[in-house]
Amino acid sequence: MLAVDLLNPTFESEKRQHKLKRLVQSPNSYFMDVKCSGCFNITTVFSNSQTVVVCPGCSTVLCQPTGGRARLTEGCSFRRKIN
């Protein structure tokens, strides 16, 4: 008999499961605030962005799309948005 609590899974086991097979379904993607390294302007970007995002202030590239997650440009810092 297994001693695994199915109603109270650990955070690590929930993160490893597929997004639809979790106890409470939740997406893996998120929105983030990206700060430009040139003009320090903050732009909201989707984590799985499929287009190139440029800074509205100085027109530098903030992130480039890959197969899944968007890759941030060197020198750009980001913060995950809560709500």
PDB file of N, CA and C in Angstrom:
ATOM      1  N   MET A   1       0.842  -1.184   0.000  1.00  0.00           N
ATOM      2  CA  MET A   1       0.000   0.000   0.000  1.00  0.00           C
ATOM      3  C   MET A   1       0.883   1.242   0.000  1.00  0.00           C
ATOM      4  N   LEU A   2       0.562   2.190  -0.837  1.00  0.00           N
ATOM      5  CA  LEU A   2       1.337   3.422  -0.930  1.00  0.00           C
ATOM      6  C   LEU A   2       0.876   4.426   0.117  1.00  0.00           C
ATOM      7  N   ALA A   3       1.830   5.154   0.669  1.00  0.00           N
ATOM      8  CA  ALA A   3       1.522   6.176   1.668  1.00  0.00           C
ATOM      9  C   ALA A   3       1.610   7.561   1.037  1.00  0.00           C
ATOM     10  N   VAL A   4       0.851   7.769  -0.046  1.00  0.00           N
ATOM     11  CA  VAL A   4       0.861   9.044  -0.748  1.00  0.00           C
ATOM     12  C   VAL A   4      -0.495   9.717  -0.542  1.00  0.00           C
ATOM     13  N   ASP A   5      -0.470  10.956  -0.105  1.00  0.00           N
ATOM     14  CA  ASP A   5      -1.694  11.711   0.110  1.00  0.00           C
ATOM     15  C   ASP A   5      -2.098  12.374  -1.205  1.00  0.00           C
ATOM     16  N   LEU A   6      -3.168  11.869  -1.821  1.00  0.00           N
ATOM     17  CA  LEU A   6      -3.585  12.380  -3.125  1.00  0.00           C
ATOM     18  C   LEU A   6      -4.307  13.719  -3.040  1.00  0.00           C
ATOM     19  N   LEU A   7      -4.888  14.029  -1.884  1.00  0.00           N
ATOM     20  CA  LEU A   7      -5.598  15.299  -1.737  1.00  0.00           C
ATOM     21  C   LEU A   7      -4.682  16.451  -1.375  1.00  0.00           C
ATOM     22  N   ASN A   8      -3.509  16.166  -0.836  1.00  0.00           N
ATOM     23  CA  ASN A   8      -2.553  17.203  -0.449  1.00  0.00           C
ATOM     24  C   ASN A   8      -1.184  16.913  -1.051  1.00  0.00           C
ATOM     25  N   PRO A   9      -1.044  17.039  -2.373  1.00  0.00           N
ATOM     26  CA  PRO A   9       0.260  16.755  -2.989  1.00  0.00           C
ATOM     27  C   PRO A   9       1.276  17.841  -2.649  1.00  0.00           C
ATOM     28  N   THR A  10       2.539  17.489  -2.722  1.00  0.00           N
ATOM     29  CA  THR A  10       3.595  18.463  -2.457  1.00  0.00           C
ATOM     30  C   THR A  10       3.706  19.425  -3.640  1.00  0.00           C
ATOM     31  N   PHE A  11       4.314  20.564  -3.385  1.00  0.00           N
ATOM     32  CA  PHE A  11       4.472  21.582  -4.425  1.00  0.00           C
ATOM     33  C   PHE A  11       5.328  21.053  -5.570  1.00  0.00           C
ATOM     34  N   GLU A  12       6.380  20.300  -5.249  1.00  0.00           N
ATOM     35  CA  GLU A  12       7.283  19.774  -6.277  1.00  0.00           C
ATOM     36  C   GLU A  12       6.575  18.766  -7.179  1.00  0.00           C
ATOM     37  N   SER A  13       5.747  17.903  -6.592  1.00  0.00           N
ATOM     38  CA  SER A  13       5.054  16.910  -7.409  1.00  0.00           C
ATOM     39  C   SER A  13       3.989  17.565  -8.292  1.00  0.00           C
ATOM     40  N   GLU A  14       3.362  18.629  -7.810  1.00  0.00           N
ATOM     41  CA  GLU A  14       2.374  19.346  -8.612  1.00  0.00           C
ATOM     42  C   GLU A  14       3.040  20.064  -9.783  1.00  0.00           C
ATOM     43  N   LYS A  15       4.216  20.626  -9.568  1.00  0.00           N
ATOM     44  CA  LYS A  15       4.912  21.354 -10.628  1.00  0.00           C
ATOM     45  C   LYS A  15       5.373  20.408 -11.732  1.00  0.00           C
ATOM     46  N   ARG A  16       5.676  19.166 -11.376  1.00  0.00           N
ATOM     47  CA  ARG A  16       6.158  18.201 -12.362  1.00  0.00           C
ATOM     48  C   ARG A  16       5.041  17.669 -13.255  1.00  0.00           C
ATOM     49  N   GLN A  17       3.807  17.703 -12.768  1.00  0.00           N
ATOM     50  CA  GLN A  17       2.703  17.152 -13.540  1.00  0.00           C
ATOM     51  C   GLN A  17       2.310  18.078 -14.684  1.00  0.00           C
ATOM     52  N   HIS A  18       1.605  17.500 -15.648  1.00  0.00           N
ATOM     53  CA  HIS A  18       1.095  18.276 -16.770  1.00  0.00           C
ATOM     54  C   HIS A  18       0.076  19.287 -16.263  1.00  0.00           C
ATOM     55  N   LYS A  19      -0.045  20.406 -16.942  1.00  0.00           N
ATOM     56  CA  LYS A  19      -0.900  21.497 -16.462  1.00  0.00           C
ATOM     57  C   LYS A  19      -2.376  21.104 -16.371  1.00  0.00           C
ATOM     58  N   LEU A  20      -2.819  20.125 -17.126  1.00  0.00           N
ATOM     59  CA  LEU A  20      -4.210  19.694 -17.062  1.00  0.00           C
ATOM     60  C   LEU A  20      -4.431  18.540 -16.093  1.00  0.00           C
ATOM     61  N   LYS A  21      -3.372  17.888 -15.631  1.00  0.00           N
ATOM     62  CA  LYS A  21      -3.508  16.746 -14.730  1.00  0.00           C
ATOM     63  C   LYS A  21      -3.235  17.100 -13.280  1.00  0.00           C
ATOM     64  N   ARG A  22      -3.050  18.380 -12.993  1.00  0.00           N
ATOM     65  CA  ARG A  22      -2.853  18.812 -11.617  1.00  0.00           C
ATOM     66  C   ARG A  22      -4.174  18.748 -10.871  1.00  0.00           C
ATOM     67  N   LEU A  23      -4.101  18.784  -9.543  1.00  0.00           N
ATOM     68  CA  LEU A  23      -5.305  18.772  -8.721  1.00  0.00           C
ATOM     69  C   LEU A  23      -6.174  19.989  -9.044  1.00  0.00           C
ATOM     70  N   VAL A  24      -5.561  21.156  -9.163  1.00  0.00           N
ATOM     71  CA  VAL A  24      -6.224  22.366  -9.641  1.00  0.00           C
ATOM     72  C   VAL A  24      -5.470  22.805 -10.890  1.00  0.00           C
ATOM     73  N   GLN A  25      -6.169  22.825 -12.024  1.00  0.00           N
ATOM     74  CA  GLN A  25      -5.507  23.144 -13.279  1.00  0.00           C
ATOM     75  C   GLN A  25      -4.981  24.570 -13.259  1.00  0.00           C
ATOM     76  N   SER A  26      -3.730  24.736 -13.691  1.00  0.00           N
ATOM     77  CA  SER A  26      -3.132  26.064 -13.751  1.00  0.00           C
ATOM     78  C   SER A  26      -2.132  26.104 -14.905  1.00  0.00           C
ATOM     79  N   PRO A  27      -2.040  27.232 -15.601  1.00  0.00           N
ATOM     80  CA  PRO A  27      -1.130  27.319 -16.742  1.00  0.00           C
ATOM     81  C   PRO A  27       0.324  27.456 -16.302  1.00  0.00           C
ATOM     82  N   ASN A  28       1.226  27.138 -17.219  1.00  0.00           N
ATOM     83  CA  ASN A  28       2.659  27.286 -16.963  1.00  0.00           C
ATOM     84  C   ASN A  28       3.165  28.653 -17.399  1.00  0.00           C
ATOM     85  N   SER A  29       2.377  29.368 -18.166  1.00  0.00           N
ATOM     86  CA  SER A  29       2.800  30.668 -18.683  1.00  0.00           C
ATOM     87  C   SER A  29       2.373  31.780 -17.737  1.00  0.00           C
ATOM     88  N   TYR A  30       2.972  32.948 -17.920  1.00  0.00           N
ATOM     89  CA  TYR A  30       2.696  34.079 -17.042  1.00  0.00           C
ATOM     90  C   TYR A  30       3.061  35.373 -17.760  1.00  0.00           C
ATOM     91  N   PHE A  31       2.602  36.483 -17.211  1.00  0.00           N
ATOM     92  CA  PHE A  31       2.997  37.801 -17.692  1.00  0.00           C
ATOM     93  C   PHE A  31       4.141  38.307 -16.827  1.00  0.00           C
ATOM     94  N   MET A  32       5.019  39.104 -17.410  1.00  0.00           N
ATOM     95  CA  MET A  32       6.154  39.616 -16.648  1.00  0.00           C
ATOM     96  C   MET A  32       6.440  41.050 -17.060  1.00  0.00           C
ATOM     97  N   ASP A  33       6.970  41.804 -16.113  1.00  0.00           N
ATOM     98  CA  ASP A  33       7.431  43.165 -16.375  1.00  0.00           C
ATOM     99  C   ASP A  33       8.902  43.091 -16.743  1.00  0.00           C
ATOM    100  N   VAL A  34       9.253  43.574 -17.928  1.00  0.00           N
ATOM    101  CA  VAL A  34      10.636  43.551 -18.403  1.00  0.00           C
ATOM    102  C   VAL A  34      11.158  44.981 -18.408  1.00  0.00           C
ATOM    103  N   LYS A  35      12.319  45.181 -17.774  1.00  0.00           N
ATOM    104  CA  LYS A  35      12.927  46.511 -17.722  1.00  0.00           C
ATOM    105  C   LYS A  35      14.021  46.600 -18.779  1.00  0.00           C
ATOM    106  N   CYS A  36      13.928  47.614 -19.607  1.00  0.00           N
ATOM    107  CA  CYS A  36      14.912  47.839 -20.666  1.00  0.00           C
ATOM    108  C   CYS A  36      16.238  48.261 -20.036  1.00  0.00           C
ATOM    109  N   SER A  37      17.328  47.730 -20.561  1.00  0.00           N
ATOM    110  CA  SER A  37      18.646  48.071 -20.016  1.00  0.00           C
ATOM    111  C   SER A  37      19.125  49.439 -20.497  1.00  0.00           C
ATOM    112  N   GLY A  38      18.545  49.957 -21.579  1.00  0.00           N
ATOM    113  CA  GLY A  38      18.979  51.250 -22.107  1.00  0.00           C
ATOM    114  C   GLY A  38      18.280  52.433 -21.468  1.00  0.00           C
ATOM    115  N   CYS A  39      16.937  52.418 -21.496  1.00  0.00           N
ATOM    116  CA  CYS A  39      16.189  53.582 -21.004  1.00  0.00           C
ATOM    117  C   CYS A  39      15.437  53.288 -19.702  1.00  0.00           C
ATOM    118  N   PHE A  40      15.544  52.075 -19.175  1.00  0.00           N
ATOM    119  CA  PHE A  40      14.899  51.645 -17.926  1.00  0.00           C
ATOM    120  C   PHE A  40      13.383  51.780 -17.977  1.00  0.00           C
ATOM    121  N   ASN A  41      12.820  51.624 -19.172  1.00  0.00           N
ATOM    122  CA  ASN A  41      11.373  51.639 -19.358  1.00  0.00           C
ATOM    123  C   ASN A  41      10.834  50.239 -19.070  1.00  0.00           C
ATOM    124  N   ILE A  42       9.686  50.127 -18.384  1.00  0.00           N
ATOM    125  CA  ILE A  42       9.114  48.831 -18.026  1.00  0.00           C
ATOM    126  C   ILE A  42       7.993  48.495 -18.999  1.00  0.00           C
ATOM    127  N   THR A  43       8.049  47.278 -19.575  1.00  0.00           N
ATOM    128  CA  THR A  43       7.062  46.807 -20.531  1.00  0.00           C
ATOM    129  C   THR A  43       6.522  45.467 -20.058  1.00  0.00           C
ATOM    130  N   THR A  44       5.215  45.237 -20.197  1.00  0.00           N
ATOM    131  CA  THR A  44       4.606  43.961 -19.839  1.00  0.00           C
ATOM    132  C   THR A  44       4.693  43.022 -21.035  1.00  0.00           C
ATOM    133  N   VAL A  45       5.239  41.812 -20.800  1.00  0.00           N
ATOM    134  CA  VAL A  45       5.476  40.838 -21.863  1.00  0.00           C
ATOM    135  C   VAL A  45       4.923  39.490 -21.409  1.00  0.00           C
ATOM    136  N   PHE A  46       4.351  38.722 -22.334  1.00  0.00           N
ATOM    137  CA  PHE A  46       3.890  37.364 -22.060  1.00  0.00           C
ATOM    138  C   PHE A  46       5.092  36.430 -22.095  1.00  0.00           C
ATOM    139  N   SER A  47       5.136  35.458 -21.190  1.00  0.00           N
ATOM    140  CA  SER A  47       6.318  34.591 -21.093  1.00  0.00           C
ATOM    141  C   SER A  47       6.501  33.718 -22.326  1.00  0.00           C
ATOM    142  N   ASN A  48       5.418  33.346 -22.992  1.00  0.00           N
ATOM    143  CA  ASN A  48       5.508  32.517 -24.190  1.00  0.00           C
ATOM    144  C   ASN A  48       5.204  33.346 -25.434  1.00  0.00           C
ATOM    145  N   SER A  49       5.733  34.546 -25.489  1.00  0.00           N
ATOM    146  CA  SER A  49       5.472  35.463 -26.593  1.00  0.00           C
ATOM    147  C   SER A  49       5.961  34.869 -27.912  1.00  0.00           C
ATOM    148  N   GLN A  50       5.160  35.031 -28.953  1.00  0.00           N
ATOM    149  CA  GLN A  50       5.503  34.470 -30.257  1.00  0.00           C
ATOM    150  C   GLN A  50       5.993  35.527 -31.238  1.00  0.00           C
ATOM    151  N   THR A  51       6.122  36.757 -30.776  1.00  0.00           N
ATOM    152  CA  THR A  51       6.628  37.832 -31.626  1.00  0.00           C
ATOM    153  C   THR A  51       7.779  38.528 -30.907  1.00  0.00           C
ATOM    154  N   VAL A  52       8.583  39.227 -31.666  1.00  0.00           N
ATOM    155  CA  VAL A  52       9.678  40.001 -31.092  1.00  0.00           C
ATOM    156  C   VAL A  52       9.078  41.216 -30.393  1.00  0.00           C
ATOM    157  N   VAL A  53       9.478  41.461 -29.148  1.00  0.00           N
ATOM    158  CA  VAL A  53       8.980  42.602 -28.384  1.00  0.00           C
ATOM    159  C   VAL A  53      10.084  43.644 -28.322  1.00  0.00           C
ATOM    160  N   VAL A  54       9.758  44.867 -28.750  1.00  0.00           N
ATOM    161  CA  VAL A  54      10.728  45.961 -28.720  1.00  0.00           C
ATOM    162  C   VAL A  54      10.309  46.983 -27.675  1.00  0.00           C
ATOM    163  N   CYS A  55      11.287  47.710 -27.156  1.00  0.00           N
ATOM    164  CA  CYS A  55      11.038  48.751 -26.163  1.00  0.00           C
ATOM    165  C   CYS A  55      10.374  49.936 -26.856  1.00  0.00           C
ATOM    166  N   PRO A  56       9.266  50.447 -26.311  1.00  0.00           N
ATOM    167  CA  PRO A  56       8.623  51.602 -26.949  1.00  0.00           C
ATOM    168  C   PRO A  56       9.431  52.891 -26.818  1.00  0.00           C
ATOM    169  N   GLY A  57      10.353  52.946 -25.861  1.00  0.00           N
ATOM    170  CA  GLY A  57      11.133  54.162 -25.661  1.00  0.00           C
ATOM    171  C   GLY A  57      12.327  54.270 -26.588  1.00  0.00           C
ATOM    172  N   CYS A  58      13.140  53.200 -26.637  1.00  0.00           N
ATOM    173  CA  CYS A  58      14.387  53.294 -27.407  1.00  0.00           C
ATOM    174  C   CYS A  58      14.467  52.285 -28.552  1.00  0.00           C
ATOM    175  N   SER A  59      13.429  51.503 -28.795  1.00  0.00           N
ATOM    176  CA  SER A  59      13.324  50.555 -29.916  1.00  0.00           C
ATOM    177  C   SER A  59      14.377  49.457 -29.891  1.00  0.00           C
ATOM    178  N   THR A  60      14.871  49.066 -28.708  1.00  0.00           N
ATOM    179  CA  THR A  60      15.759  47.911 -28.618  1.00  0.00           C
ATOM    180  C   THR A  60      14.916  46.664 -28.403  1.00  0.00           C
ATOM    181  N   VAL A  61      15.434  45.515 -28.822  1.00  0.00           N
ATOM    182  CA  VAL A  61      14.706  44.256 -28.700  1.00  0.00           C
ATOM    183  C   VAL A  61      14.775  43.785 -27.248  1.00  0.00           C
ATOM    184  N   LEU A  62      13.609  43.539 -26.634  1.00  0.00           N
ATOM    185  CA  LEU A  62      13.564  43.066 -25.250  1.00  0.00           C
ATOM    186  C   LEU A  62      13.585  41.549 -25.172  1.00  0.00           C
ATOM    187  N   CYS A  63      12.822  40.869 -26.041  1.00  0.00           N
ATOM    188  CA  CYS A  63      12.832  39.404 -26.033  1.00  0.00           C
ATOM    189  C   CYS A  63      12.526  38.880 -27.426  1.00  0.00           C
ATOM    190  N   GLN A  64      13.047  37.681 -27.681  1.00  0.00           N
ATOM    191  CA  GLN A  64      12.849  37.030 -28.964  1.00  0.00           C
ATOM    192  C   GLN A  64      12.165  35.697 -28.729  1.00  0.00           C
ATOM    193  N   PRO A  65      11.261  35.294 -29.626  1.00  0.00           N
ATOM    194  CA  PRO A  65      10.556  34.029 -29.430  1.00  0.00           C
ATOM    195  C   PRO A  65      11.454  32.834 -29.718  1.00  0.00           C
ATOM    196  N   THR A  66      11.201  31.756 -29.005  1.00  0.00           N
ATOM    197  CA  THR A  66      11.832  30.464 -29.280  1.00  0.00           C
ATOM    198  C   THR A  66      10.693  29.478 -29.500  1.00  0.00           C
ATOM    199  N   GLY A  67      10.960  28.211 -29.394  1.00  0.00           N
ATOM    200  CA  GLY A  67       9.898  27.224 -29.561  1.00  0.00           C
ATOM    201  C   GLY A  67       8.851  27.301 -28.475  1.00  0.00           C
ATOM    202  N   GLY A  68       9.257  27.670 -27.248  1.00  0.00           N
ATOM    203  CA  GLY A  68       8.316  27.751 -26.138  1.00  0.00           C
ATOM    204  C   GLY A  68       8.376  29.103 -25.470  1.00  0.00           C
ATOM    205  N   ARG A  69       9.287  29.224 -24.517  1.00  0.00           N
ATOM    206  CA  ARG A  69       9.427  30.480 -23.781  1.00  0.00           C
ATOM    207  C   ARG A  69      10.167  31.511 -24.619  1.00  0.00           C
ATOM    208  N   ALA A  70       9.863  32.776 -24.337  1.00  0.00           N
ATOM    209  CA  ALA A  70      10.572  33.860 -25.016  1.00  0.00           C
ATOM    210  C   ALA A  70      11.930  34.064 -24.342  1.00  0.00           C
ATOM    211  N   ARG A  71      12.957  34.310 -25.130  1.00  0.00           N
ATOM    212  CA  ARG A  71      14.304  34.501 -24.597  1.00  0.00           C
ATOM    213  C   ARG A  71      14.555  35.985 -24.406  1.00  0.00           C
ATOM    214  N   LEU A  72      14.899  36.376 -23.175  1.00  0.00           N
ATOM    215  CA  LEU A  72      15.183  37.781 -22.889  1.00  0.00           C
ATOM    216  C   LEU A  72      16.543  38.172 -23.436  1.00  0.00           C
ATOM    217  N   THR A  73      16.677  39.422 -23.812  1.00  0.00           N
ATOM    218  CA  THR A  73      17.942  39.956 -24.300  1.00  0.00           C
ATOM    219  C   THR A  73      18.888  40.165 -23.124  1.00  0.00           C
ATOM    220  N   GLU A  74      20.188  40.076 -23.384  1.00  0.00           N
ATOM    221  CA  GLU A  74      21.193  40.296 -22.338  1.00  0.00           C
ATOM    222  C   GLU A  74      21.024  41.666 -21.707  1.00  0.00           C
ATOM    223  N   GLY A  75      21.077  41.722 -20.399  1.00  0.00           N
ATOM    224  CA  GLY A  75      20.981  42.985 -19.685  1.00  0.00           C
ATOM    225  C   GLY A  75      19.573  43.358 -19.262  1.00  0.00           C
ATOM    226  N   CYS A  76      18.559  42.695 -19.816  1.00  0.00           N
ATOM    227  CA  CYS A  76      17.173  42.983 -19.429  1.00  0.00           C
ATOM    228  C   CYS A  76      16.826  42.197 -18.172  1.00  0.00           C
ATOM    229  N   SER A  77      16.179  42.862 -17.235  1.00  0.00           N
ATOM    230  CA  SER A  77      15.727  42.177 -16.025  1.00  0.00           C
ATOM    231  C   SER A  77      14.213  42.065 -16.071  1.00  0.00           C
ATOM    232  N   PHE A  78      13.673  41.037 -15.391  1.00  0.00           N
ATOM    233  CA  PHE A  78      12.231  40.841 -15.415  1.00  0.00           C
ATOM    234  C   PHE A  78      11.722  40.509 -14.024  1.00  0.00           C
ATOM    235  N   ARG A  79      10.422  40.739 -13.844  1.00  0.00           N
ATOM    236  CA  ARG A  79       9.733  40.410 -12.604  1.00  0.00           C
ATOM    237  C   ARG A  79       8.407  39.781 -12.987  1.00  0.00           C
ATOM    238  N   ARG A  80       8.109  38.632 -12.398  1.00  0.00           N
ATOM    239  CA  ARG A  80       6.864  37.941 -12.686  1.00  0.00           C
ATOM    240  C   ARG A  80       5.693  38.705 -12.074  1.00  0.00           C
ATOM    241  N   LYS A  81       4.648  38.915 -12.871  1.00  0.00           N
ATOM    242  CA  LYS A  81       3.469  39.643 -12.380  1.00  0.00           C
ATOM    243  C   LYS A  81       2.622  38.711 -11.526  1.00  0.00           C
ATOM    244  N   ILE A  82       2.082  39.244 -10.439  1.00  0.00           N
ATOM    245  CA  ILE A  82       1.252  38.443  -9.545  1.00  0.00           C
ATOM    246  C   ILE A  82      -0.186  38.404 -10.058  1.00  0.00           C
ATOM    247  N   ASN A  83      -0.803  39.547 -10.248  1.00  0.00           N
ATOM    248  CA  ASN A  83      -2.193  39.606 -10.741  1.00  0.00           C
ATOM    249  C   ASN A  83      -2.298  40.550 -11.897  1.00  0.00           C
TER     250      ASN A  83
END
